[in-house]
Amino acid sequence: MSAYFVMIREKTTDAAALAEYGAKAGGTLAGHSMKPIAFYGALDQVEGEPVEGAVILEFADMAAARAWYDSPAYQEVAKLRHAGSVSRTFFIEGV
């Protein structure tokens, strides 16, 4: 069953760190098969607090999604996202 990684960026706190994250995050996907579903496209927010953007990545299953997210390569780069933004991330299984 497909699994999705969802990242919601609520606000930028350090633009330089976030730019570095953006430059390096794609490289962490080498060897991990995924499909980008949404990547900072236009938002039409209808409820809740404002957000700056969102990303949705599709993986073959939860194990594949976690293998990428838990990899040392991504965890090192994720430190830049943590330093540069307030964000929420989660996984959700498809139907």
PDB file of N, CA and C in Angstrom:
ATOM      1  N   MET A   1       0.842  -1.173   0.000  1.00  0.00           N
ATOM      2  CA  MET A   1       0.000   0.000   0.000  1.00  0.00           C
ATOM      3  C   MET A   1       0.890   1.240   0.000  1.00  0.00           C
ATOM      4  N   SER A   2       0.608   2.190  -0.865  1.00  0.00           N
ATOM      5  CA  SER A   2       1.392   3.426  -0.929  1.00  0.00           C
ATOM      6  C   SER A   2       1.384   4.152   0.406  1.00  0.00           C
ATOM      7  N   ALA A   3       2.455   4.895   0.638  1.00  0.00           N
ATOM      8  CA  ALA A   3       2.557   5.735   1.831  1.00  0.00           C
ATOM      9  C   ALA A   3       3.052   7.104   1.390  1.00  0.00           C
ATOM     10  N   TYR A   4       2.615   8.108   2.098  1.00  0.00           N
ATOM     11  CA  TYR A   4       2.935   9.484   1.740  1.00  0.00           C
ATOM     12  C   TYR A   4       3.639  10.184   2.889  1.00  0.00           C
ATOM     13  N   PHE A   5       4.697  10.911   2.544  1.00  0.00           N
ATOM     14  CA  PHE A   5       5.376  11.797   3.479  1.00  0.00           C
ATOM     15  C   PHE A   5       4.801  13.178   3.228  1.00  0.00           C
ATOM     16  N   VAL A   6       4.300  13.812   4.273  1.00  0.00           N
ATOM     17  CA  VAL A   6       3.715  15.147   4.160  1.00  0.00           C
ATOM     18  C   VAL A   6       4.506  16.087   5.055  1.00  0.00           C
ATOM     19  N   MET A   7       4.948  17.193   4.485  1.00  0.00           N
ATOM     20  CA  MET A   7       5.660  18.218   5.245  1.00  0.00           C
ATOM     21  C   MET A   7       4.926  19.538   5.037  1.00  0.00           C
ATOM     22  N   ILE A   8       4.563  20.170   6.131  1.00  0.00           N
ATOM     23  CA  ILE A   8       3.886  21.464   6.091  1.00  0.00           C
ATOM     24  C   ILE A   8       4.803  22.487   6.745  1.00  0.00           C
ATOM     25  N   ARG A   9       5.220  23.486   5.968  1.00  0.00           N
ATOM     26  CA  ARG A   9       6.059  24.547   6.524  1.00  0.00           C
ATOM     27  C   ARG A   9       5.158  25.678   6.996  1.00  0.00           C
ATOM     28  N   GLU A  10       5.176  25.915   8.305  1.00  0.00           N
ATOM     29  CA  GLU A  10       4.353  26.963   8.887  1.00  0.00           C
ATOM     30  C   GLU A  10       5.004  28.331   8.744  1.00  0.00           C
ATOM     31  N   LYS A  11       6.327  28.410   9.025  1.00  0.00           N
ATOM     32  CA  LYS A  11       7.011  29.686   8.828  1.00  0.00           C
ATOM     33  C   LYS A  11       8.512  29.475   8.743  1.00  0.00           C
ATOM     34  N   THR A  12       9.163  30.373   8.032  1.00  0.00           N
ATOM     35  CA  THR A  12      10.612  30.368   7.897  1.00  0.00           C
ATOM     36  C   THR A  12      11.210  31.150   9.047  1.00  0.00           C
ATOM     37  N   THR A  13      12.228  30.569   9.686  1.00  0.00           N
ATOM     38  CA  THR A  13      12.910  31.254  10.786  1.00  0.00           C
ATOM     39  C   THR A  13      14.353  31.599  10.436  1.00  0.00           C
ATOM     40  N   ASP A  14      14.931  30.919   9.453  1.00  0.00           N
ATOM     41  CA  ASP A  14      16.304  31.177   9.005  1.00  0.00           C
ATOM     42  C   ASP A  14      16.363  30.831   7.520  1.00  0.00           C
ATOM     43  N   ALA A  15      16.254  31.864   6.680  1.00  0.00           N
ATOM     44  CA  ALA A  15      16.174  31.642   5.234  1.00  0.00           C
ATOM     45  C   ALA A  15      17.422  30.963   4.679  1.00  0.00           C
ATOM     46  N   ALA A  16      18.599  31.283   5.212  1.00  0.00           N
ATOM     47  CA  ALA A  16      19.838  30.680   4.712  1.00  0.00           C
ATOM     48  C   ALA A  16      19.865  29.180   5.002  1.00  0.00           C
ATOM     49  N   ALA A  17      19.482  28.785   6.206  1.00  0.00           N
ATOM     50  CA  ALA A  17      19.452  27.361   6.556  1.00  0.00           C
ATOM     51  C   ALA A  17      18.428  26.629   5.699  1.00  0.00           C
ATOM     52  N   LEU A  18      17.290  27.261   5.468  1.00  0.00           N
ATOM     53  CA  LEU A  18      16.249  26.625   4.665  1.00  0.00           C
ATOM     54  C   LEU A  18      16.682  26.498   3.205  1.00  0.00           C
ATOM     55  N   ALA A  19      17.392  27.496   2.690  1.00  0.00           N
ATOM     56  CA  ALA A  19      17.906  27.419   1.323  1.00  0.00           C
ATOM     57  C   ALA A  19      18.923  26.286   1.198  1.00  0.00           C
ATOM     58  N   GLU A  20      19.763  26.121   2.200  1.00  0.00           N
ATOM     59  CA  GLU A  20      20.736  25.030   2.183  1.00  0.00           C
ATOM     60  C   GLU A  20      20.018  23.678   2.239  1.00  0.00           C
ATOM     61  N   TYR A  21      18.975  23.595   3.055  1.00  0.00           N
ATOM     62  CA  TYR A  21      18.163  22.375   3.105  1.00  0.00           C
ATOM     63  C   TYR A  21      17.603  22.074   1.714  1.00  0.00           C
ATOM     64  N   GLY A  22      17.039  23.087   1.076  1.00  0.00           N
ATOM     65  CA  GLY A  22      16.462  22.903  -0.253  1.00  0.00           C
ATOM     66  C   GLY A  22      17.477  22.418  -1.273  1.00  0.00           C
ATOM     67  N   ALA A  23      18.709  22.898  -1.150  1.00  0.00           N
ATOM     68  CA  ALA A  23      19.760  22.496  -2.080  1.00  0.00           C
ATOM     69  C   ALA A  23      20.233  21.065  -1.840  1.00  0.00           C
ATOM     70  N   LYS A  24      20.127  20.594  -0.613  1.00  0.00           N
ATOM     71  CA  LYS A  24      20.677  19.282  -0.259  1.00  0.00           C
ATOM     72  C   LYS A  24      19.648  18.163  -0.127  1.00  0.00           C
ATOM     73  N   ALA A  25      18.403  18.482   0.131  1.00  0.00           N
ATOM     74  CA  ALA A  25      17.407  17.445   0.432  1.00  0.00           C
ATOM     75  C   ALA A  25      17.206  16.468  -0.723  1.00  0.00           C
ATOM     76  N   GLY A  26      17.188  16.960  -1.946  1.00  0.00           N
ATOM     77  CA  GLY A  26      16.975  16.076  -3.090  1.00  0.00           C
ATOM     78  C   GLY A  26      18.018  14.983  -3.204  1.00  0.00           C
ATOM     79  N   GLY A  27      19.243  15.292  -2.839  1.00  0.00           N
ATOM     80  CA  GLY A  27      20.311  14.307  -2.896  1.00  0.00           C
ATOM     81  C   GLY A  27      20.107  13.140  -1.955  1.00  0.00           C
ATOM     82  N   THR A  28      19.318  13.335  -0.924  1.00  0.00           N
ATOM     83  CA  THR A  28      19.078  12.255   0.043  1.00  0.00           C
ATOM     84  C   THR A  28      18.133  11.189  -0.511  1.00  0.00           C
ATOM     85  N   LEU A  29      17.509  11.487  -1.637  1.00  0.00           N
ATOM     86  CA  LEU A  29      16.565  10.538  -2.233  1.00  0.00           C
ATOM     87  C   LEU A  29      17.244   9.508  -3.132  1.00  0.00           C
ATOM     88  N   ALA A  30      18.543   9.658  -3.375  1.00  0.00           N
ATOM     89  CA  ALA A  30      19.261   8.694  -4.213  1.00  0.00           C
ATOM     90  C   ALA A  30      19.094   7.291  -3.624  1.00  0.00           C
ATOM     91  N   GLY A  31      18.671   6.369  -4.472  1.00  0.00           N
ATOM     92  CA  GLY A  31      18.461   4.999  -4.021  1.00  0.00           C
ATOM     93  C   GLY A  31      17.109   4.749  -3.390  1.00  0.00           C
ATOM     94  N   HIS A  32      16.286   5.787  -3.302  1.00  0.00           N
ATOM     95  CA  HIS A  32      14.940   5.655  -2.731  1.00  0.00           C
ATOM     96  C   HIS A  32      13.940   6.030  -3.822  1.00  0.00           C
ATOM     97  N   SER A  33      13.073   5.113  -4.178  1.00  0.00           N
ATOM     98  CA  SER A  33      12.085   5.365  -5.216  1.00  0.00           C
ATOM     99  C   SER A  33      10.893   6.107  -4.625  1.00  0.00           C
ATOM    100  N   MET A  34      10.595   7.262  -5.187  1.00  0.00           N
ATOM    101  CA  MET A  34       9.443   8.037  -4.738  1.00  0.00           C
ATOM    102  C   MET A  34       8.918   8.857  -5.899  1.00  0.00           C
ATOM    103  N   LYS A  35       7.697   9.359  -5.718  1.00  0.00           N
ATOM    104  CA  LYS A  35       7.052  10.202  -6.724  1.00  0.00           C
ATOM    105  C   LYS A  35       6.586  11.477  -6.031  1.00  0.00           C
ATOM    106  N   PRO A  36       7.012  12.659  -6.525  1.00  0.00           N
ATOM    107  CA  PRO A  36       6.499  13.891  -5.928  1.00  0.00           C
ATOM    108  C   PRO A  36       5.040  14.091  -6.345  1.00  0.00           C
ATOM    109  N   ILE A  37       4.179  14.281  -5.374  1.00  0.00           N
ATOM    110  CA  ILE A  37       2.755  14.513  -5.627  1.00  0.00           C
ATOM    111  C   ILE A  37       2.452  16.010  -5.610  1.00  0.00           C
ATOM    112  N   ALA A  38       3.007  16.706  -4.643  1.00  0.00           N
ATOM    113  CA  ALA A  38       2.862  18.167  -4.543  1.00  0.00           C
ATOM    114  C   ALA A  38       4.162  18.712  -3.979  1.00  0.00           C
ATOM    115  N   PHE A  39       4.593  19.857  -4.521  1.00  0.00           N
ATOM    116  CA  PHE A  39       5.868  20.425  -4.094  1.00  0.00           C
ATOM    117  C   PHE A  39       5.769  21.944  -4.132  1.00  0.00           C
ATOM    118  N   TYR A  40       5.353  22.528  -3.035  1.00  0.00           N
ATOM    119  CA  TYR A  40       5.225  23.977  -2.888  1.00  0.00           C
ATOM    120  C   TYR A  40       4.410  24.618  -4.001  1.00  0.00           C
ATOM    121  N   GLY A  41       3.330  23.959  -4.387  1.00  0.00           N
ATOM    122  CA  GLY A  41       2.434  24.529  -5.379  1.00  0.00           C
ATOM    123  C   GLY A  41       1.568  25.622  -4.762  1.00  0.00           C
ATOM    124  N   ALA A  42       0.736  26.228  -5.592  1.00  0.00           N
ATOM    125  CA  ALA A  42      -0.171  27.274  -5.122  1.00  0.00           C
ATOM    126  C   ALA A  42      -1.101  26.699  -4.057  1.00  0.00           C
ATOM    127  N   LEU A  43      -1.301  27.465  -2.998  1.00  0.00           N
ATOM    128  CA  LEU A  43      -2.161  27.042  -1.887  1.00  0.00           C
ATOM    129  C   LEU A  43      -3.498  27.768  -1.936  1.00  0.00           C
ATOM    130  N   ASP A  44      -4.542  27.075  -1.591  1.00  0.00           N
ATOM    131  CA  ASP A  44      -5.861  27.675  -1.396  1.00  0.00           C
ATOM    132  C   ASP A  44      -6.306  27.234  -0.009  1.00  0.00           C
ATOM    133  N   GLN A  45      -5.782  27.908   0.983  1.00  0.00           N
ATOM    134  CA  GLN A  45      -6.036  27.509   2.370  1.00  0.00           C
ATOM    135  C   GLN A  45      -7.436  27.925   2.789  1.00  0.00           C
ATOM    136  N   VAL A  46      -8.176  26.983   3.352  1.00  0.00           N
ATOM    137  CA  VAL A  46      -9.559  27.261   3.721  1.00  0.00           C
ATOM    138  C   VAL A  46      -9.800  27.248   5.225  1.00  0.00           C
ATOM    139  N   GLU A  47      -8.892  26.651   6.003  1.00  0.00           N
ATOM    140  CA  GLU A  47      -9.059  26.613   7.456  1.00  0.00           C
ATOM    141  C   GLU A  47      -7.703  26.647   8.136  1.00  0.00           C
ATOM    142  N   GLY A  48      -7.705  27.030   9.399  1.00  0.00           N
ATOM    143  CA  GLY A  48      -6.505  26.952  10.225  1.00  0.00           C
ATOM    144  C   GLY A  48      -5.551  28.116  10.045  1.00  0.00           C
ATOM    145  N   GLU A  49      -4.433  28.001  10.754  1.00  0.00           N
ATOM    146  CA  GLU A  49      -3.395  29.022  10.697  1.00  0.00           C
ATOM    147  C   GLU A  49      -2.720  29.005   9.324  1.00  0.00           C
ATOM    148  N   PRO A  50      -2.265  30.161   8.860  1.00  0.00           N
ATOM    149  CA  PRO A  50      -1.599  30.217   7.552  1.00  0.00           C
ATOM    150  C   PRO A  50      -0.346  29.345   7.509  1.00  0.00           C
ATOM    151  N   VAL A  51      -0.068  28.794   6.347  1.00  0.00           N
ATOM    152  CA  VAL A  51       1.157  28.029   6.115  1.00  0.00           C
ATOM    153  C   VAL A  51       1.868  28.620   4.899  1.00  0.00           C
ATOM    154  N   GLU A  52       3.178  28.390   4.841  1.00  0.00           N
ATOM    155  CA  GLU A  52       3.959  28.901   3.717  1.00  0.00           C
ATOM    156  C   GLU A  52       4.016  27.918   2.553  1.00  0.00           C
ATOM    157  N   GLY A  53       3.882  26.646   2.844  1.00  0.00           N
ATOM    158  CA  GLY A  53       3.965  25.676   1.766  1.00  0.00           C
ATOM    159  C   GLY A  53       3.861  24.256   2.271  1.00  0.00           C
ATOM    160  N   ALA A  54       3.774  23.335   1.315  1.00  0.00           N
ATOM    161  CA  ALA A  54       3.644  21.925   1.669  1.00  0.00           C
ATOM    162  C   ALA A  54       4.277  21.058   0.588  1.00  0.00           C
ATOM    163  N   VAL A  55       4.699  19.875   1.015  1.00  0.00           N
ATOM    164  CA  VAL A  55       5.280  18.872   0.124  1.00  0.00           C
ATOM    165  C   VAL A  55       4.597  17.541   0.419  1.00  0.00           C
ATOM    166  N   ILE A  56       4.266  16.806  -0.629  1.00  0.00           N
ATOM    167  CA  ILE A  56       3.745  15.448  -0.480  1.00  0.00           C
ATOM    168  C   ILE A  56       4.556  14.555  -1.407  1.00  0.00           C
ATOM    169  N   LEU A  57       5.184  13.532  -0.827  1.00  0.00           N
ATOM    170  CA  LEU A  57       5.969  12.562  -1.587  1.00  0.00           C
ATOM    171  C   LEU A  57       5.337  11.184  -1.433  1.00  0.00           C
ATOM    172  N   GLU A  58       5.173  10.467  -2.534  1.00  0.00           N
ATOM    173  CA  GLU A  58       4.600   9.124  -2.504  1.00  0.00           C
ATOM    174  C   GLU A  58       5.711   8.075  -2.558  1.00  0.00           C
ATOM    175  N   PHE A  59       5.634   7.108  -1.660  1.00  0.00           N
ATOM    176  CA  PHE A  59       6.555   5.976  -1.627  1.00  0.00           C
ATOM    177  C   PHE A  59       5.751   4.699  -1.813  1.00  0.00           C
ATOM    178  N   ALA A  60       6.420   3.620  -2.168  1.00  0.00           N
ATOM    179  CA  ALA A  60       5.736   2.344  -2.421  1.00  0.00           C
ATOM    180  C   ALA A  60       4.972   1.850  -1.201  1.00  0.00           C
ATOM    181  N   ASP A  61       5.543   2.049  -0.020  1.00  0.00           N
ATOM    182  CA  ASP A  61       4.902   1.610   1.214  1.00  0.00           C
ATOM    183  C   ASP A  61       5.540   2.348   2.391  1.00  0.00           C
ATOM    184  N   MET A  62       5.026   2.114   3.579  1.00  0.00           N
ATOM    185  CA  MET A  62       5.510   2.812   4.763  1.00  0.00           C
ATOM    186  C   MET A  62       6.976   2.485   5.038  1.00  0.00           C
ATOM    187  N   ALA A  63       7.366   1.239   4.807  1.00  0.00           N
ATOM    188  CA  ALA A  63       8.760   0.852   5.048  1.00  0.00           C
ATOM    189  C   ALA A  63       9.707   1.636   4.143  1.00  0.00           C
ATOM    190  N   ALA A  64       9.325   1.828   2.890  1.00  0.00           N
ATOM    191  CA  ALA A  64      10.164   2.589   1.959  1.00  0.00           C
ATOM    192  C   ALA A  64      10.235   4.057   2.370  1.00  0.00           C
ATOM    193  N   ALA A  65       9.118   4.612   2.802  1.00  0.00           N
ATOM    194  CA  ALA A  65       9.100   6.009   3.248  1.00  0.00           C
ATOM    195  C   ALA A  65       9.988   6.196   4.469  1.00  0.00           C
ATOM    196  N   ARG A  66       9.867   5.289   5.426  1.00  0.00           N
ATOM    197  CA  ARG A  66      10.680   5.387   6.646  1.00  0.00           C
ATOM    198  C   ARG A  66      12.155   5.135   6.362  1.00  0.00           C
ATOM    199  N   ALA A  67      12.446   4.255   5.404  1.00  0.00           N
ATOM    200  CA  ALA A  67      13.846   3.991   5.060  1.00  0.00           C
ATOM    201  C   ALA A  67      14.528   5.269   4.590  1.00  0.00           C
ATOM    202  N   TRP A  68      13.832   6.071   3.782  1.00  0.00           N
ATOM    203  CA  TRP A  68      14.393   7.358   3.345  1.00  0.00           C
ATOM    204  C   TRP A  68      14.478   8.329   4.524  1.00  0.00           C
ATOM    205  N   TYR A  69      13.359   8.532   5.216  1.00  0.00           N
ATOM    206  CA  TYR A  69      13.322   9.529   6.288  1.00  0.00           C
ATOM    207  C   TYR A  69      14.322   9.208   7.395  1.00  0.00           C
ATOM    208  N   ASP A  70      14.443   7.966   7.766  1.00  0.00           N
ATOM    209  CA  ASP A  70      15.331   7.557   8.857  1.00  0.00           C
ATOM    210  C   ASP A  70      16.786   7.401   8.426  1.00  0.00           C
ATOM    211  N   SER A  71      17.057   7.556   7.136  1.00  0.00           N
ATOM    212  CA  SER A  71      18.431   7.379   6.652  1.00  0.00           C
ATOM    213  C   SER A  71      19.348   8.441   7.260  1.00  0.00           C
ATOM    214  N   PRO A  72      20.597   8.082   7.514  1.00  0.00           N
ATOM    215  CA  PRO A  72      21.549   9.067   8.036  1.00  0.00           C
ATOM    216  C   PRO A  72      21.675  10.290   7.125  1.00  0.00           C
ATOM    217  N   ALA A  73      21.597  10.074   5.808  1.00  0.00           N
ATOM    218  CA  ALA A  73      21.716  11.193   4.870  1.00  0.00           C
ATOM    219  C   ALA A  73      20.594  12.208   5.082  1.00  0.00           C
ATOM    220  N   TYR A  74      19.329  11.728   5.154  1.00  0.00           N
ATOM    221  CA  TYR A  74      18.235  12.686   5.339  1.00  0.00           C
ATOM    222  C   TYR A  74      18.253  13.282   6.737  1.00  0.00           C
ATOM    223  N   GLN A  75      18.527  12.490   7.734  1.00  0.00           N
ATOM    224  CA  GLN A  75      18.519  13.021   9.100  1.00  0.00           C
ATOM    225  C   GLN A  75      19.545  14.136   9.275  1.00  0.00           C
ATOM    226  N   GLU A  76      20.677  14.030   8.601  1.00  0.00           N
ATOM    227  CA  GLU A  76      21.679  15.099   8.670  1.00  0.00           C
ATOM    228  C   GLU A  76      21.148  16.378   8.016  1.00  0.00           C
ATOM    229  N   VAL A  77      20.541  16.245   6.842  1.00  0.00           N
ATOM    230  CA  VAL A  77      19.998  17.399   6.125  1.00  0.00           C
ATOM    231  C   VAL A  77      18.772  17.965   6.843  1.00  0.00           C
ATOM    232  N   ALA A  78      17.980  17.121   7.476  1.00  0.00           N
ATOM    233  CA  ALA A  78      16.781  17.580   8.185  1.00  0.00           C
ATOM    234  C   ALA A  78      17.119  18.582   9.285  1.00  0.00           C
ATOM    235  N   LYS A  79      18.326  18.504   9.816  1.00  0.00           N
ATOM    236  CA  LYS A  79      18.746  19.479  10.835  1.00  0.00           C
ATOM    237  C   LYS A  79      18.661  20.900  10.293  1.00  0.00           C
ATOM    238  N   LEU A  80      18.926  21.072   9.006  1.00  0.00           N
ATOM    239  CA  LEU A  80      18.828  22.397   8.382  1.00  0.00           C
ATOM    240  C   LEU A  80      17.375  22.862   8.324  1.00  0.00           C
ATOM    241  N   ARG A  81      16.459  21.932   8.029  1.00  0.00           N
ATOM    242  CA  ARG A  81      15.029  22.291   8.016  1.00  0.00           C
ATOM    243  C   ARG A  81      14.572  22.682   9.405  1.00  0.00           C
ATOM    244  N   HIS A  82      15.021  21.936  10.403  1.00  0.00           N
ATOM    245  CA  HIS A  82      14.659  22.258  11.789  1.00  0.00           C
ATOM    246  C   HIS A  82      15.194  23.624  12.185  1.00  0.00           C
ATOM    247  N   ALA A  83      16.415  23.940  11.750  1.00  0.00           N
ATOM    248  CA  ALA A  83      17.024  25.233  12.079  1.00  0.00           C
ATOM    249  C   ALA A  83      16.377  26.377  11.306  1.00  0.00           C
ATOM    250  N   GLY A  84      15.843  26.082  10.128  1.00  0.00           N
ATOM    251  CA  GLY A  84      15.360  27.138   9.258  1.00  0.00           C
ATOM    252  C   GLY A  84      13.870  27.348   9.210  1.00  0.00           C
ATOM    253  N   SER A  85      13.107  26.504   9.900  1.00  0.00           N
ATOM    254  CA  SER A  85      11.657  26.656   9.788  1.00  0.00           C
ATOM    255  C   SER A  85      10.928  26.019  10.959  1.00  0.00           C
ATOM    256  N   VAL A  86       9.684  26.411  11.076  1.00  0.00           N
ATOM    257  CA  VAL A  86       8.735  25.715  11.938  1.00  0.00           C
ATOM    258  C   VAL A  86       7.896  24.886  10.974  1.00  0.00           C
ATOM    259  N   SER A  87       7.935  23.574  11.142  1.00  0.00           N
ATOM    260  CA  SER A  87       7.217  22.710  10.210  1.00  0.00           C
ATOM    261  C   SER A  87       6.650  21.499  10.932  1.00  0.00           C
ATOM    262  N   ARG A  88       5.722  20.857  10.254  1.00  0.00           N
ATOM    263  CA  ARG A  88       5.146  19.600  10.741  1.00  0.00           C
ATOM    264  C   ARG A  88       5.345  18.563   9.649  1.00  0.00           C
ATOM    265  N   THR A  89       5.699  17.366  10.042  1.00  0.00           N
ATOM    266  CA  THR A  89       5.843  16.280   9.077  1.00  0.00           C
ATOM    267  C   THR A  89       5.124  15.049   9.609  1.00  0.00           C
ATOM    268  N   PHE A  90       4.589  14.272   8.691  1.00  0.00           N
ATOM    269  CA  PHE A  90       3.961  13.017   9.086  1.00  0.00           C
ATOM    270  C   PHE A  90       3.874  12.098   7.881  1.00  0.00           C
ATOM    271  N   PHE A  91       3.624  10.827   8.160  1.00  0.00           N
ATOM    272  CA  PHE A  91       3.388   9.822   7.133  1.00  0.00           C
ATOM    273  C   PHE A  91       1.917   9.430   7.198  1.00  0.00           C
ATOM    274  N   ILE A  92       1.363   9.117   6.044  1.00  0.00           N
ATOM    275  CA  ILE A  92      -0.005   8.616   5.996  1.00  0.00           C
ATOM    276  C   ILE A  92      -0.072   7.529   4.932  1.00  0.00           C
ATOM    277  N   GLU A  93      -0.774   6.439   5.243  1.00  0.00           N
ATOM    278  CA  GLU A  93      -0.952   5.365   4.276  1.00  0.00           C
ATOM    279  C   GLU A  93      -2.030   5.733   3.273  1.00  0.00           C
ATOM    280  N   GLY A  94      -1.821   5.300   2.035  1.00  0.00           N
ATOM    281  CA  GLY A  94      -2.825   5.498   0.998  1.00  0.00           C
ATOM    282  C   GLY A  94      -3.936   4.466   1.126  1.00  0.00           C
ATOM    283  N   VAL A  95      -4.916   4.597   0.255  1.00  0.00           N
ATOM    284  CA  VAL A  95      -6.034   3.647   0.270  1.00  0.00           C
ATOM    285  C   VAL A  95      -5.950   2.718  -0.923  1.00  0.00           C
TER     286      VAL A  95
END
